[in-house]
Amino acid sequence: MFPSPPPATRALILINIAVSLLQQLLPNLMAGLFALWPPRSGL
């Protein structure tokens, strides 16, 4: 079997899963917060 990942790696994986779930539940909010918008787009 594989060895247990270090705590930092485990934390990054859990954060990735949480953000992925939030993106599925709240797509417009996540796109507005994290998307790259051009300057002066009003967003």
PDB file of N, CA and C in Angstrom:
ATOM      1  N   MET A   1       0.829  -1.186   0.000  1.00  0.00           N
ATOM      2  CA  MET A   1       0.000   0.000   0.000  1.00  0.00           C
ATOM      3  C   MET A   1       0.875   1.252   0.000  1.00  0.00           C
ATOM      4  N   PHE A   2       0.230   2.382  -0.242  1.00  0.00           N
ATOM      5  CA  PHE A   2       0.943   3.653  -0.266  1.00  0.00           C
ATOM      6  C   PHE A   2       1.123   4.184   1.150  1.00  0.00           C
ATOM      7  N   PRO A   3       2.219   4.897   1.380  1.00  0.00           N
ATOM      8  CA  PRO A   3       2.380   5.515   2.705  1.00  0.00           C
ATOM      9  C   PRO A   3       1.418   6.698   2.868  1.00  0.00           C
ATOM     10  N   SER A   4       1.138   7.032   4.098  1.00  0.00           N
ATOM     11  CA  SER A   4       0.256   8.156   4.402  1.00  0.00           C
ATOM     12  C   SER A   4       0.892   9.460   3.918  1.00  0.00           C
ATOM     13  N   PRO A   5       0.106  10.336   3.242  1.00  0.00           N
ATOM     14  CA  PRO A   5       0.688  11.600   2.760  1.00  0.00           C
ATOM     15  C   PRO A   5       1.001  12.540   3.928  1.00  0.00           C
ATOM     16  N   PRO A   6       1.939  13.444   3.714  1.00  0.00           N
ATOM     17  CA  PRO A   6       2.253  14.429   4.756  1.00  0.00           C
ATOM     18  C   PRO A   6       1.037  15.323   5.052  1.00  0.00           C
ATOM     19  N   PRO A   7       1.003  15.947   6.222  1.00  0.00           N
ATOM     20  CA  PRO A   7      -0.152  16.782   6.598  1.00  0.00           C
ATOM     21  C   PRO A   7      -0.444  17.910   5.604  1.00  0.00           C
ATOM     22  N   ALA A   8       0.581  18.538   5.060  1.00  0.00           N
ATOM     23  CA  ALA A   8       0.347  19.639   4.114  1.00  0.00           C
ATOM     24  C   ALA A   8      -0.328  19.125   2.843  1.00  0.00           C
ATOM     25  N   THR A   9       0.104  17.975   2.364  1.00  0.00           N
ATOM     26  CA  THR A   9      -0.499  17.391   1.169  1.00  0.00           C
ATOM     27  C   THR A   9      -1.945  17.002   1.439  1.00  0.00           C
ATOM     28  N   ARG A  10      -2.188  16.416   2.587  1.00  0.00           N
ATOM     29  CA  ARG A  10      -3.549  16.035   2.960  1.00  0.00           C
ATOM     30  C   ARG A  10      -4.442  17.277   3.046  1.00  0.00           C
ATOM     31  N   ALA A  11      -3.936  18.359   3.614  1.00  0.00           N
ATOM     32  CA  ALA A  11      -4.718  19.594   3.728  1.00  0.00           C
ATOM     33  C   ALA A  11      -5.045  20.156   2.344  1.00  0.00           C
ATOM     34  N   LEU A  12      -4.080  20.141   1.434  1.00  0.00           N
ATOM     35  CA  LEU A  12      -4.326  20.646   0.078  1.00  0.00           C
ATOM     36  C   LEU A  12      -5.380  19.810  -0.643  1.00  0.00           C
ATOM     37  N   ILE A  13      -5.332  18.513  -0.462  1.00  0.00           N
ATOM     38  CA  ILE A  13      -6.330  17.643  -1.089  1.00  0.00           C
ATOM     39  C   ILE A  13      -7.717  17.944  -0.530  1.00  0.00           C
ATOM     40  N   LEU A  14      -7.827  18.106   0.787  1.00  0.00           N
ATOM     41  CA  LEU A  14      -9.128  18.401   1.397  1.00  0.00           C
ATOM     42  C   LEU A  14      -9.661  19.767   0.969  1.00  0.00           C
ATOM     43  N   ILE A  15      -8.780  20.751   0.867  1.00  0.00           N
ATOM     44  CA  ILE A  15      -9.200  22.076   0.392  1.00  0.00           C
ATOM     45  C   ILE A  15      -9.686  21.990  -1.049  1.00  0.00           C
ATOM     46  N   ASN A  16      -8.980  21.216  -1.863  1.00  0.00           N
ATOM     47  CA  ASN A  16      -9.368  21.028  -3.257  1.00  0.00           C
ATOM     48  C   ASN A  16     -10.760  20.407  -3.361  1.00  0.00           C
ATOM     49  N   ILE A  17     -11.025  19.412  -2.533  1.00  0.00           N
ATOM     50  CA  ILE A  17     -12.335  18.758  -2.529  1.00  0.00           C
ATOM     51  C   ILE A  17     -13.416  19.740  -2.092  1.00  0.00           C
ATOM     52  N   ALA A  18     -13.141  20.527  -1.052  1.00  0.00           N
ATOM     53  CA  ALA A  18     -14.125  21.490  -0.553  1.00  0.00           C
ATOM     54  C   ALA A  18     -14.456  22.548  -1.602  1.00  0.00           C
ATOM     55  N   VAL A  19     -13.450  23.077  -2.273  1.00  0.00           N
ATOM     56  CA  VAL A  19     -13.687  24.098  -3.298  1.00  0.00           C
ATOM     57  C   VAL A  19     -14.439  23.493  -4.477  1.00  0.00           C
ATOM     58  N   SER A  20     -14.128  22.270  -4.825  1.00  0.00           N
ATOM     59  CA  SER A  20     -14.832  21.598  -5.913  1.00  0.00           C
ATOM     60  C   SER A  20     -16.315  21.429  -5.579  1.00  0.00           C
ATOM     61  N   LEU A  21     -16.614  21.028  -4.348  1.00  0.00           N
ATOM     62  CA  LEU A  21     -18.013  20.889  -3.940  1.00  0.00           C
ATOM     63  C   LEU A  21     -18.732  22.235  -3.932  1.00  0.00           C
ATOM     64  N   LEU A  22     -18.062  23.272  -3.441  1.00  0.00           N
ATOM     65  CA  LEU A  22     -18.667  24.610  -3.456  1.00  0.00           C
ATOM     66  C   LEU A  22     -18.930  25.081  -4.877  1.00  0.00           C
ATOM     67  N   GLN A  23     -18.023  24.760  -5.787  1.00  0.00           N
ATOM     68  CA  GLN A  23     -18.190  25.163  -7.179  1.00  0.00           C
ATOM     69  C   GLN A  23     -19.405  24.475  -7.795  1.00  0.00           C
ATOM     70  N   GLN A  24     -19.664  23.245  -7.407  1.00  0.00           N
ATOM     71  CA  GLN A  24     -20.837  22.542  -7.923  1.00  0.00           C
ATOM     72  C   GLN A  24     -22.124  23.082  -7.308  1.00  0.00           C
ATOM     73  N   LEU A  25     -22.074  23.468  -6.034  1.00  0.00           N
ATOM     74  CA  LEU A  25     -23.273  23.958  -5.358  1.00  0.00           C
ATOM     75  C   LEU A  25     -23.579  25.416  -5.687  1.00  0.00           C
ATOM     76  N   LEU A  26     -22.542  26.247  -5.817  1.00  0.00           N
ATOM     77  CA  LEU A  26     -22.707  27.691  -6.043  1.00  0.00           C
ATOM     78  C   LEU A  26     -21.845  28.140  -7.223  1.00  0.00           C
ATOM     79  N   PRO A  27     -22.188  27.747  -8.456  1.00  0.00           N
ATOM     80  CA  PRO A  27     -21.299  28.040  -9.584  1.00  0.00           C
ATOM     81  C   PRO A  27     -21.121  29.532  -9.862  1.00  0.00           C
ATOM     82  N   ASN A  28     -22.181  30.326  -9.756  1.00  0.00           N
ATOM     83  CA  ASN A  28     -22.056  31.751 -10.069  1.00  0.00           C
ATOM     84  C   ASN A  28     -21.197  32.482  -9.045  1.00  0.00           C
ATOM     85  N   LEU A  29     -21.360  32.143  -7.786  1.00  0.00           N
ATOM     86  CA  LEU A  29     -20.574  32.786  -6.738  1.00  0.00           C
ATOM     87  C   LEU A  29     -19.097  32.456  -6.903  1.00  0.00           C
ATOM     88  N   MET A  30     -18.798  31.203  -7.148  1.00  0.00           N
ATOM     89  CA  MET A  30     -17.406  30.789  -7.267  1.00  0.00           C
ATOM     90  C   MET A  30     -16.758  31.416  -8.505  1.00  0.00           C
ATOM     91  N   ALA A  31     -17.489  31.497  -9.606  1.00  0.00           N
ATOM     92  CA  ALA A  31     -16.935  32.109 -10.814  1.00  0.00           C
ATOM     93  C   ALA A  31     -16.682  33.594 -10.579  1.00  0.00           C
ATOM     94  N   GLY A  32     -17.589  34.257  -9.888  1.00  0.00           N
ATOM     95  CA  GLY A  32     -17.414  35.676  -9.615  1.00  0.00           C
ATOM     96  C   GLY A  32     -16.234  35.961  -8.706  1.00  0.00           C
ATOM     97  N   LEU A  33     -15.979  35.065  -7.764  1.00  0.00           N
ATOM     98  CA  LEU A  33     -14.891  35.290  -6.815  1.00  0.00           C
ATOM     99  C   LEU A  33     -13.522  34.910  -7.366  1.00  0.00           C
ATOM    100  N   PHE A  34     -13.461  33.832  -8.141  1.00  0.00           N
ATOM    101  CA  PHE A  34     -12.164  33.279  -8.503  1.00  0.00           C
ATOM    102  C   PHE A  34     -11.813  33.363  -9.983  1.00  0.00           C
ATOM    103  N   ALA A  35     -12.721  33.785 -10.832  1.00  0.00           N
ATOM    104  CA  ALA A  35     -12.415  33.864 -12.258  1.00  0.00           C
ATOM    105  C   ALA A  35     -11.528  35.072 -12.541  1.00  0.00           C
ATOM    106  N   LEU A  36     -10.816  35.006 -13.625  1.00  0.00           N
ATOM    107  CA  LEU A  36      -9.991  36.135 -14.058  1.00  0.00           C
ATOM    108  C   LEU A  36     -10.844  37.008 -14.973  1.00  0.00           C
ATOM    109  N   TRP A  37     -11.163  38.190 -14.495  1.00  0.00           N
ATOM    110  CA  TRP A  37     -11.996  39.097 -15.260  1.00  0.00           C
ATOM    111  C   TRP A  37     -11.125  40.206 -15.836  1.00  0.00           C
ATOM    112  N   PRO A  38     -11.430  40.678 -17.054  1.00  0.00           N
ATOM    113  CA  PRO A  38     -10.648  41.774 -17.626  1.00  0.00           C
ATOM    114  C   PRO A  38     -10.885  43.067 -16.846  1.00  0.00           C
ATOM    115  N   PRO A  39      -9.901  43.962 -16.852  1.00  0.00           N
ATOM    116  CA  PRO A  39     -10.091  45.247 -16.171  1.00  0.00           C
ATOM    117  C   PRO A  39     -11.296  45.999 -16.750  1.00  0.00           C
ATOM    118  N   ARG A  40     -11.949  46.754 -15.914  1.00  0.00           N
ATOM    119  CA  ARG A  40     -13.107  47.572 -16.286  1.00  0.00           C
ATOM    120  C   ARG A  40     -14.287  46.748 -16.779  1.00  0.00           C
ATOM    121  N   SER A  41     -14.387  45.499 -16.374  1.00  0.00           N
ATOM    122  CA  SER A  41     -15.527  44.682 -16.793  1.00  0.00           C
ATOM    123  C   SER A  41     -16.739  44.927 -15.893  1.00  0.00           C
ATOM    124  N   GLY A  42     -16.523  45.612 -14.771  1.00  0.00           N
ATOM    125  CA  GLY A  42     -17.620  45.893 -13.867  1.00  0.00           C
ATOM    126  C   GLY A  42     -17.872  44.793 -12.850  1.00  0.00           C
ATOM    127  N   LEU A  43     -17.029  43.794 -12.825  1.00  0.00           N
ATOM    128  CA  LEU A  43     -17.232  42.706 -11.862  1.00  0.00           C
ATOM    129  C   LEU A  43     -16.216  42.745 -10.770  1.00  0.00           C
TER     130      LEU A  43
END
